[in-house]
Amino acid sequence: MLEPNNMVKPHCDVVSTELENKEAVLLHLGTKKYYSLNETGLCIWRMLANGNTPGRISEGLRDEFDIPAVKANESVINLLKELLHEKLIEIA
């Protein structure tokens, strides 16, 4: 279960590439599946890769996009749950 202070990191079998249009593509080397991230997802992914907790990522998202805390928290948790389900991240 994801908590605001969990340490979450990209799975070691995942590589990412940022695209010119503020999007990213993730490839899980084990499953050979590709995933795409929009601008918000890319922002979350960058902060995740830099060792931030979900709580810190939410704060960064609020600052980056000037959105309410509830919306930022919801966006972060929803994406992290999807990434966790697809085994693109792991709780450290």
PDB file of N, CA and C in Angstrom:
ATOM      1  N   MET A   1       0.830  -1.181   0.000  1.00  0.00           N
ATOM      2  CA  MET A   1       0.000   0.000   0.000  1.00  0.00           C
ATOM      3  C   MET A   1       0.877   1.248   0.000  1.00  0.00           C
ATOM      4  N   LEU A   2       0.509   2.221  -0.798  1.00  0.00           N
ATOM      5  CA  LEU A   2       1.290   3.445  -0.900  1.00  0.00           C
ATOM      6  C   LEU A   2       0.923   4.427   0.202  1.00  0.00           C
ATOM      7  N   GLU A   3       1.943   4.938   0.850  1.00  0.00           N
ATOM      8  CA  GLU A   3       1.784   5.949   1.891  1.00  0.00           C
ATOM      9  C   GLU A   3       2.625   7.165   1.488  1.00  0.00           C
ATOM     10  N   PRO A   4       2.278   8.358   1.975  1.00  0.00           N
ATOM     11  CA  PRO A   4       3.015   9.562   1.587  1.00  0.00           C
ATOM     12  C   PRO A   4       4.518   9.515   1.859  1.00  0.00           C
ATOM     13  N   ASN A   5       4.946   8.731   2.866  1.00  0.00           N
ATOM     14  CA  ASN A   5       6.372   8.696   3.202  1.00  0.00           C
ATOM     15  C   ASN A   5       7.095   7.445   2.718  1.00  0.00           C
ATOM     16  N   ASN A   6       6.412   6.596   1.934  1.00  0.00           N
ATOM     17  CA  ASN A   6       7.069   5.425   1.362  1.00  0.00           C
ATOM     18  C   ASN A   6       8.200   5.851   0.437  1.00  0.00           C
ATOM     19  N   MET A   7       9.259   5.080   0.430  1.00  0.00           N
ATOM     20  CA  MET A   7      10.293   5.273  -0.576  1.00  0.00           C
ATOM     21  C   MET A   7       9.910   4.403  -1.761  1.00  0.00           C
ATOM     22  N   VAL A   8       9.683   5.028  -2.885  1.00  0.00           N
ATOM     23  CA  VAL A   8       9.273   4.335  -4.102  1.00  0.00           C
ATOM     24  C   VAL A   8      10.304   4.663  -5.162  1.00  0.00           C
ATOM     25  N   LYS A   9      10.668   3.658  -5.959  1.00  0.00           N
ATOM     26  CA  LYS A   9      11.694   3.896  -6.977  1.00  0.00           C
ATOM     27  C   LYS A   9      11.336   3.144  -8.253  1.00  0.00           C
ATOM     28  N   PRO A  10      11.908   3.576  -9.378  1.00  0.00           N
ATOM     29  CA  PRO A  10      11.681   2.836 -10.621  1.00  0.00           C
ATOM     30  C   PRO A  10      12.202   1.405 -10.487  1.00  0.00           C
ATOM     31  N   HIS A  11      11.497   0.468 -11.077  1.00  0.00           N
ATOM     32  CA  HIS A  11      11.938  -0.924 -11.082  1.00  0.00           C
ATOM     33  C   HIS A  11      13.240  -1.012 -11.877  1.00  0.00           C
ATOM     34  N   CYS A  12      14.135  -1.874 -11.464  1.00  0.00           N
ATOM     35  CA  CYS A  12      15.450  -1.975 -12.122  1.00  0.00           C
ATOM     36  C   CYS A  12      15.363  -2.457 -13.571  1.00  0.00           C
ATOM     37  N   ASP A  13      14.243  -3.059 -13.967  1.00  0.00           N
ATOM     38  CA  ASP A  13      14.074  -3.528 -15.341  1.00  0.00           C
ATOM     39  C   ASP A  13      13.397  -2.505 -16.242  1.00  0.00           C
ATOM     40  N   VAL A  14      13.253  -1.272 -15.774  1.00  0.00           N
ATOM     41  CA  VAL A  14      12.550  -0.245 -16.548  1.00  0.00           C
ATOM     42  C   VAL A  14      13.531   0.823 -17.017  1.00  0.00           C
ATOM     43  N   VAL A  15      13.444   1.129 -18.301  1.00  0.00           N
ATOM     44  CA  VAL A  15      14.214   2.239 -18.863  1.00  0.00           C
ATOM     45  C   VAL A  15      13.216   3.278 -19.377  1.00  0.00           C
ATOM     46  N   SER A  16      13.622   4.534 -19.313  1.00  0.00           N
ATOM     47  CA  SER A  16      12.734   5.602 -19.755  1.00  0.00           C
ATOM     48  C   SER A  16      13.443   6.509 -20.746  1.00  0.00           C
ATOM     49  N   THR A  17      12.655   7.091 -21.635  1.00  0.00           N
ATOM     50  CA  THR A  17      13.158   8.046 -22.607  1.00  0.00           C
ATOM     51  C   THR A  17      12.196   9.220 -22.655  1.00  0.00           C
ATOM     52  N   GLU A  18      12.735  10.417 -22.499  1.00  0.00           N
ATOM     53  CA  GLU A  18      11.909  11.613 -22.613  1.00  0.00           C
ATOM     54  C   GLU A  18      11.818  12.013 -24.077  1.00  0.00           C
ATOM     55  N   LEU A  19      10.618  12.403 -24.485  1.00  0.00           N
ATOM     56  CA  LEU A  19      10.372  12.848 -25.846  1.00  0.00           C
ATOM     57  C   LEU A  19      10.322  14.368 -25.886  1.00  0.00           C
ATOM     58  N   GLU A  20      10.434  14.936 -27.075  1.00  0.00           N
ATOM     59  CA  GLU A  20      10.488  16.387 -27.231  1.00  0.00           C
ATOM     60  C   GLU A  20       9.207  17.089 -26.812  1.00  0.00           C
ATOM     61  N   ASN A  21       8.094  16.425 -26.850  1.00  0.00           N
ATOM     62  CA  ASN A  21       6.807  17.058 -26.573  1.00  0.00           C
ATOM     63  C   ASN A  21       6.385  16.926 -25.108  1.00  0.00           C
ATOM     64  N   LYS A  22       7.349  16.898 -24.192  1.00  0.00           N
ATOM     65  CA  LYS A  22       7.097  16.805 -22.746  1.00  0.00           C
ATOM     66  C   LYS A  22       6.349  15.531 -22.370  1.00  0.00           C
ATOM     67  N   GLU A  23       6.670  14.461 -23.044  1.00  0.00           N
ATOM     68  CA  GLU A  23       6.130  13.147 -22.736  1.00  0.00           C
ATOM     69  C   GLU A  23       7.301  12.192 -22.558  1.00  0.00           C
ATOM     70  N   ALA A  24       7.010  10.993 -22.094  1.00  0.00           N
ATOM     71  CA  ALA A  24       8.059   9.991 -21.915  1.00  0.00           C
ATOM     72  C   ALA A  24       7.516   8.625 -22.288  1.00  0.00           C
ATOM     73  N   VAL A  25       8.439   7.749 -22.630  1.00  0.00           N
ATOM     74  CA  VAL A  25       8.113   6.353 -22.911  1.00  0.00           C
ATOM     75  C   VAL A  25       8.898   5.504 -21.936  1.00  0.00           C
ATOM     76  N   LEU A  26       8.214   4.547 -21.314  1.00  0.00           N
ATOM     77  CA  LEU A  26       8.851   3.599 -20.407  1.00  0.00           C
ATOM     78  C   LEU A  26       8.839   2.238 -21.069  1.00  0.00           C
ATOM     79  N   LEU A  27       9.919   1.498 -20.919  1.00  0.00           N
ATOM     80  CA  LEU A  27       9.997   0.132 -21.431  1.00  0.00           C
ATOM     81  C   LEU A  27      10.385  -0.777 -20.277  1.00  0.00           C
ATOM     82  N   HIS A  28       9.557  -1.780 -20.040  1.00  0.00           N
ATOM     83  CA  HIS A  28       9.889  -2.799 -19.040  1.00  0.00           C
ATOM     84  C   HIS A  28      10.643  -3.889 -19.787  1.00  0.00           C
ATOM     85  N   LEU A  29      11.924  -4.032 -19.508  1.00  0.00           N
ATOM     86  CA  LEU A  29      12.770  -4.972 -20.231  1.00  0.00           C
ATOM     87  C   LEU A  29      12.354  -6.422 -20.014  1.00  0.00           C
ATOM     88  N   GLY A  30      11.744  -6.720 -18.876  1.00  0.00           N
ATOM     89  CA  GLY A  30      11.307  -8.088 -18.593  1.00  0.00           C
ATOM     90  C   GLY A  30      10.079  -8.488 -19.383  1.00  0.00           C
ATOM     91  N   THR A  31       9.109  -7.592 -19.458  1.00  0.00           N
ATOM     92  CA  THR A  31       7.854  -7.917 -20.153  1.00  0.00           C
ATOM     93  C   THR A  31       7.849  -7.454 -21.597  1.00  0.00           C
ATOM     94  N   LYS A  32       8.786  -6.576 -21.963  1.00  0.00           N
ATOM     95  CA  LYS A  32       8.875  -5.992 -23.301  1.00  0.00           C
ATOM     96  C   LYS A  32       7.675  -5.102 -23.622  1.00  0.00           C
ATOM     97  N   LYS A  33       7.006  -4.583 -22.606  1.00  0.00           N
ATOM     98  CA  LYS A  33       5.859  -3.704 -22.812  1.00  0.00           C
ATOM     99  C   LYS A  33       6.303  -2.245 -22.709  1.00  0.00           C
ATOM    100  N   TYR A  34       5.718  -1.422 -23.595  1.00  0.00           N
ATOM    101  CA  TYR A  34       5.949   0.013 -23.586  1.00  0.00           C
ATOM    102  C   TYR A  34       4.788   0.722 -22.908  1.00  0.00           C
ATOM    103  N   TYR A  35       5.093   1.829 -22.269  1.00  0.00           N
ATOM    104  CA  TYR A  35       4.090   2.657 -21.615  1.00  0.00           C
ATOM    105  C   TYR A  35       4.422   4.107 -21.927  1.00  0.00           C
ATOM    106  N   SER A  36       3.409   4.938 -22.037  1.00  0.00           N
ATOM    107  CA  SER A  36       3.670   6.358 -22.282  1.00  0.00           C
ATOM    108  C   SER A  36       3.178   7.186 -21.105  1.00  0.00           C
ATOM    109  N   LEU A  37       3.869   8.291 -20.873  1.00  0.00           N
ATOM    110  CA  LEU A  37       3.510   9.227 -19.819  1.00  0.00           C
ATOM    111  C   LEU A  37       3.287  10.599 -20.444  1.00  0.00           C
ATOM    112  N   ASN A  38       2.239  11.278 -20.020  1.00  0.00           N
ATOM    113  CA  ASN A  38       2.007  12.645 -20.475  1.00  0.00           C
ATOM    114  C   ASN A  38       2.891  13.596 -19.671  1.00  0.00           C
ATOM    115  N   GLU A  39       2.685  14.882 -19.833  1.00  0.00           N
ATOM    116  CA  GLU A  39       3.537  15.869 -19.168  1.00  0.00           C
ATOM    117  C   GLU A  39       3.490  15.732 -17.642  1.00  0.00           C
ATOM    118  N   THR A  40       2.311  15.527 -17.094  1.00  0.00           N
ATOM    119  CA  THR A  40       2.179  15.357 -15.656  1.00  0.00           C
ATOM    120  C   THR A  40       2.869  14.077 -15.199  1.00  0.00           C
ATOM    121  N   GLY A  41       2.645  12.995 -15.942  1.00  0.00           N
ATOM    122  CA  GLY A  41       3.280  11.725 -15.618  1.00  0.00           C
ATOM    123  C   GLY A  41       4.792  11.812 -15.678  1.00  0.00           C
ATOM    124  N   LEU A  42       5.299  12.546 -16.664  1.00  0.00           N
ATOM    125  CA  LEU A  42       6.746  12.728 -16.785  1.00  0.00           C
ATOM    126  C   LEU A  42       7.299  13.489 -15.581  1.00  0.00           C
ATOM    127  N   CYS A  43       6.590  14.500 -15.153  1.00  0.00           N
ATOM    128  CA  CYS A  43       7.017  15.271 -13.975  1.00  0.00           C
ATOM    129  C   CYS A  43       7.077  14.358 -12.747  1.00  0.00           C
ATOM    130  N   ILE A  44       6.050  13.535 -12.570  1.00  0.00           N
ATOM    131  CA  ILE A  44       6.020  12.594 -11.449  1.00  0.00           C
ATOM    132  C   ILE A  44       7.168  11.593 -11.571  1.00  0.00           C
ATOM    133  N   TRP A  45       7.392  11.064 -12.772  1.00  0.00           N
ATOM    134  CA  TRP A  45       8.449  10.078 -13.001  1.00  0.00           C
ATOM    135  C   TRP A  45       9.829  10.661 -12.667  1.00  0.00           C
ATOM    136  N   ARG A  46      10.075  11.897 -13.104  1.00  0.00           N
ATOM    137  CA  ARG A  46      11.368  12.539 -12.816  1.00  0.00           C
ATOM    138  C   ARG A  46      11.612  12.639 -11.308  1.00  0.00           C
ATOM    139  N   MET A  47      10.581  13.106 -10.593  1.00  0.00           N
ATOM    140  CA  MET A  47      10.737  13.262  -9.140  1.00  0.00           C
ATOM    141  C   MET A  47      10.891  11.902  -8.464  1.00  0.00           C
ATOM    142  N   LEU A  48      10.198  10.902  -8.970  1.00  0.00           N
ATOM    143  CA  LEU A  48      10.304   9.539  -8.448  1.00  0.00           C
ATOM    144  C   LEU A  48      11.730   9.020  -8.652  1.00  0.00           C
ATOM    145  N   ALA A  49      12.269   9.221  -9.838  1.00  0.00           N
ATOM    146  CA  ALA A  49      13.621   8.759 -10.155  1.00  0.00           C
ATOM    147  C   ALA A  49      14.686   9.476  -9.329  1.00  0.00           C
ATOM    148  N   ASN A  50      14.352  10.666  -8.824  1.00  0.00           N
ATOM    149  CA  ASN A  50      15.287  11.422  -7.993  1.00  0.00           C
ATOM    150  C   ASN A  50      15.165  11.083  -6.513  1.00  0.00           C
ATOM    151  N   GLY A  51      14.398  10.046  -6.187  1.00  0.00           N
ATOM    152  CA  GLY A  51      14.332   9.566  -4.819  1.00  0.00           C
ATOM    153  C   GLY A  51      13.326  10.264  -3.919  1.00  0.00           C
ATOM    154  N   ASN A  52      12.333  10.908  -4.496  1.00  0.00           N
ATOM    155  CA  ASN A  52      11.324  11.593  -3.697  1.00  0.00           C
ATOM    156  C   ASN A  52      10.211  10.647  -3.257  1.00  0.00           C
ATOM    157  N   THR A  53       9.655  10.902  -2.096  1.00  0.00           N
ATOM    158  CA  THR A  53       8.512  10.142  -1.599  1.00  0.00           C
ATOM    159  C   THR A  53       7.244  10.638  -2.296  1.00  0.00           C
ATOM    160  N   PRO A  54       6.153   9.873  -2.263  1.00  0.00           N
ATOM    161  CA  PRO A  54       4.896  10.354  -2.843  1.00  0.00           C
ATOM    162  C   PRO A  54       4.470  11.715  -2.288  1.00  0.00           C
ATOM    163  N   GLY A  55       4.684  11.943  -1.010  1.00  0.00           N
ATOM    164  CA  GLY A  55       4.341  13.240  -0.417  1.00  0.00           C
ATOM    165  C   GLY A  55       5.137  14.381  -1.018  1.00  0.00           C
ATOM    166  N   ARG A  56       6.429  14.171  -1.198  1.00  0.00           N
ATOM    167  CA  ARG A  56       7.290  15.205  -1.804  1.00  0.00           C
ATOM    168  C   ARG A  56       6.952  15.399  -3.279  1.00  0.00           C
ATOM    169  N   ILE A  57       6.609  14.300  -3.964  1.00  0.00           N
ATOM    170  CA  ILE A  57       6.227  14.407  -5.367  1.00  0.00           C
ATOM    171  C   ILE A  57       4.959  15.251  -5.496  1.00  0.00           C
ATOM    172  N   SER A  58       4.014  15.025  -4.600  1.00  0.00           N
ATOM    173  CA  SER A  58       2.775  15.802  -4.608  1.00  0.00           C
ATOM    174  C   SER A  58       3.062  17.290  -4.410  1.00  0.00           C
ATOM    175  N   GLU A  59       3.962  17.609  -3.486  1.00  0.00           N
ATOM    176  CA  GLU A  59       4.348  19.005  -3.277  1.00  0.00           C
ATOM    177  C   GLU A  59       4.956  19.599  -4.545  1.00  0.00           C
ATOM    178  N   GLY A  60       5.827  18.836  -5.188  1.00  0.00           N
ATOM    179  CA  GLY A  60       6.454  19.303  -6.426  1.00  0.00           C
ATOM    180  C   GLY A  60       5.452  19.506  -7.539  1.00  0.00           C
ATOM    181  N   LEU A  61       4.467  18.633  -7.607  1.00  0.00           N
ATOM    182  CA  LEU A  61       3.425  18.740  -8.628  1.00  0.00           C
ATOM    183  C   LEU A  61       2.589  19.998  -8.401  1.00  0.00           C
ATOM    184  N   ARG A  62       2.292  20.287  -7.145  1.00  0.00           N
ATOM    185  CA  ARG A  62       1.539  21.505  -6.820  1.00  0.00           C
ATOM    186  C   ARG A  62       2.310  22.738  -7.269  1.00  0.00           C
ATOM    187  N   ASP A  63       3.598  22.747  -7.008  1.00  0.00           N
ATOM    188  CA  ASP A  63       4.424  23.887  -7.395  1.00  0.00           C
ATOM    189  C   ASP A  63       4.538  24.010  -8.918  1.00  0.00           C
ATOM    190  N   GLU A  64       4.752  22.881  -9.580  1.00  0.00           N
ATOM    191  CA  GLU A  64       4.965  22.876 -11.036  1.00  0.00           C
ATOM    192  C   GLU A  64       3.720  23.309 -11.810  1.00  0.00           C
ATOM    193  N   PHE A  65       2.557  22.820 -11.394  1.00  0.00           N
ATOM    194  CA  PHE A  65       1.341  23.048 -12.165  1.00  0.00           C
ATOM    195  C   PHE A  65       0.334  23.964 -11.464  1.00  0.00           C
ATOM    196  N   ASP A  66       0.674  24.474 -10.282  1.00  0.00           N
ATOM    197  CA  ASP A  66      -0.187  25.372  -9.526  1.00  0.00           C
ATOM    198  C   ASP A  66      -1.601  24.796  -9.386  1.00  0.00           C
ATOM    199  N   ILE A  67      -1.661  23.605  -8.785  1.00  0.00           N
ATOM    200  CA  ILE A  67      -2.933  22.920  -8.580  1.00  0.00           C
ATOM    201  C   ILE A  67      -3.165  22.700  -7.085  1.00  0.00           C
ATOM    202  N   PRO A  68      -4.417  22.495  -6.685  1.00  0.00           N
ATOM    203  CA  PRO A  68      -4.708  22.263  -5.265  1.00  0.00           C
ATOM    204  C   PRO A  68      -4.066  20.971  -4.752  1.00  0.00           C
ATOM    205  N   ALA A  69      -3.809  20.941  -3.448  1.00  0.00           N
ATOM    206  CA  ALA A  69      -3.162  19.789  -2.826  1.00  0.00           C
ATOM    207  C   ALA A  69      -3.939  18.499  -3.056  1.00  0.00           C
ATOM    208  N   VAL A  70      -5.256  18.562  -2.956  1.00  0.00           N
ATOM    209  CA  VAL A  70      -6.076  17.352  -3.142  1.00  0.00           C
ATOM    210  C   VAL A  70      -5.893  16.791  -4.540  1.00  0.00           C
ATOM    211  N   LYS A  71      -5.905  17.649  -5.550  1.00  0.00           N
ATOM    212  CA  LYS A  71      -5.733  17.216  -6.946  1.00  0.00           C
ATOM    213  C   LYS A  71      -4.334  16.637  -7.150  1.00  0.00           C
ATOM    214  N   ALA A  72      -3.316  17.273  -6.581  1.00  0.00           N
ATOM    215  CA  ALA A  72      -1.940  16.789  -6.715  1.00  0.00           C
ATOM    216  C   ALA A  72      -1.793  15.423  -6.060  1.00  0.00           C
ATOM    217  N   ASN A  73      -2.295  15.281  -4.843  1.00  0.00           N
ATOM    218  CA  ASN A  73      -2.196  13.999  -4.145  1.00  0.00           C
ATOM    219  C   ASN A  73      -2.892  12.896  -4.922  1.00  0.00           C
ATOM    220  N   GLU A  74      -4.083  13.191  -5.421  1.00  0.00           N
ATOM    221  CA  GLU A  74      -4.852  12.212  -6.187  1.00  0.00           C
ATOM    222  C   GLU A  74      -4.103  11.792  -7.449  1.00  0.00           C
ATOM    223  N   SER A  75      -3.541  12.757  -8.161  1.00  0.00           N
ATOM    224  CA  SER A  75      -2.806  12.459  -9.391  1.00  0.00           C
ATOM    225  C   SER A  75      -1.592  11.579  -9.114  1.00  0.00           C
ATOM    226  N   VAL A  76      -0.856  11.912  -8.066  1.00  0.00           N
ATOM    227  CA  VAL A  76       0.348  11.153  -7.727  1.00  0.00           C
ATOM    228  C   VAL A  76      -0.017   9.726  -7.323  1.00  0.00           C
ATOM    229  N   ILE A  77      -0.941   9.581  -6.399  1.00  0.00           N
ATOM    230  CA  ILE A  77      -1.306   8.243  -5.913  1.00  0.00           C
ATOM    231  C   ILE A  77      -1.886   7.393  -7.033  1.00  0.00           C
ATOM    232  N   ASN A  78      -2.757   7.965  -7.876  1.00  0.00           N
ATOM    233  CA  ASN A  78      -3.348   7.193  -8.973  1.00  0.00           C
ATOM    234  C   ASN A  78      -2.282   6.689  -9.943  1.00  0.00           C
ATOM    235  N   LEU A  79      -1.343   7.566 -10.321  1.00  0.00           N
ATOM    236  CA  LEU A  79      -0.298   7.129 -11.250  1.00  0.00           C
ATOM    237  C   LEU A  79       0.615   6.101 -10.588  1.00  0.00           C
ATOM    238  N   LEU A  80       1.017   6.340  -9.350  1.00  0.00           N
ATOM    239  CA  LEU A  80       1.902   5.387  -8.684  1.00  0.00           C
ATOM    240  C   LEU A  80       1.242   4.014  -8.532  1.00  0.00           C
ATOM    241  N   LYS A  81      -0.052   3.983  -8.272  1.00  0.00           N
ATOM    242  CA  LYS A  81      -0.754   2.702  -8.186  1.00  0.00           C
ATOM    243  C   LYS A  81      -0.718   1.971  -9.522  1.00  0.00           C
ATOM    244  N   GLU A  82      -0.931   2.713 -10.611  1.00  0.00           N
ATOM    245  CA  GLU A  82      -0.866   2.095 -11.943  1.00  0.00           C
ATOM    246  C   GLU A  82       0.538   1.587 -12.239  1.00  0.00           C
ATOM    247  N   LEU A  83       1.548   2.392 -11.936  1.00  0.00           N
ATOM    248  CA  LEU A  83       2.935   1.988 -12.178  1.00  0.00           C
ATOM    249  C   LEU A  83       3.309   0.774 -11.340  1.00  0.00           C
ATOM    250  N   LEU A  84       2.838   0.740 -10.120  1.00  0.00           N
ATOM    251  CA  LEU A  84       3.099  -0.397  -9.238  1.00  0.00           C
ATOM    252  C   LEU A  84       2.421  -1.656  -9.774  1.00  0.00           C
ATOM    253  N   HIS A  85       1.191  -1.510 -10.232  1.00  0.00           N
ATOM    254  CA  HIS A  85       0.445  -2.644 -10.790  1.00  0.00           C
ATOM    255  C   HIS A  85       1.160  -3.229 -12.014  1.00  0.00           C
ATOM    256  N   GLU A  86       1.745  -2.366 -12.825  1.00  0.00           N
ATOM    257  CA  GLU A  86       2.452  -2.807 -14.034  1.00  0.00           C
ATOM    258  C   GLU A  86       3.904  -3.186 -13.751  1.00  0.00           C
ATOM    259  N   LYS A  87       4.298  -3.134 -12.488  1.00  0.00           N
ATOM    260  CA  LYS A  87       5.662  -3.475 -12.051  1.00  0.00           C
ATOM    261  C   LYS A  87       6.731  -2.554 -12.662  1.00  0.00           C
ATOM    262  N   LEU A  88       6.346  -1.285 -12.829  1.00  0.00           N
ATOM    263  CA  LEU A  88       7.283  -0.287 -13.334  1.00  0.00           C
ATOM    264  C   LEU A  88       8.002   0.422 -12.203  1.00  0.00           C
ATOM    265  N   ILE A  89       7.443   0.326 -11.000  1.00  0.00           N
ATOM    266  CA  ILE A  89       8.077   0.864  -9.800  1.00  0.00           C
ATOM    267  C   ILE A  89       7.999  -0.166  -8.701  1.00  0.00           C
ATOM    268  N   GLU A  90       8.759   0.089  -7.651  1.00  0.00           N
ATOM    269  CA  GLU A  90       8.707  -0.797  -6.483  1.00  0.00           C
ATOM    270  C   GLU A  90       8.851   0.035  -5.228  1.00  0.00           C
ATOM    271  N   ILE A  91       8.220  -0.446  -4.150  1.00  0.00           N
ATOM    272  CA  ILE A  91       8.363   0.216  -2.868  1.00  0.00           C
ATOM    273  C   ILE A  91       9.658  -0.280  -2.245  1.00  0.00           C
ATOM    274  N   ALA A  92      10.525   0.664  -1.913  1.00  0.00           N
ATOM    275  CA  ALA A  92      11.855   0.308  -1.397  1.00  0.00           C
ATOM    276  C   ALA A  92      11.792  -0.074   0.069  1.00  0.00           C
TER     277      ALA A  92
END
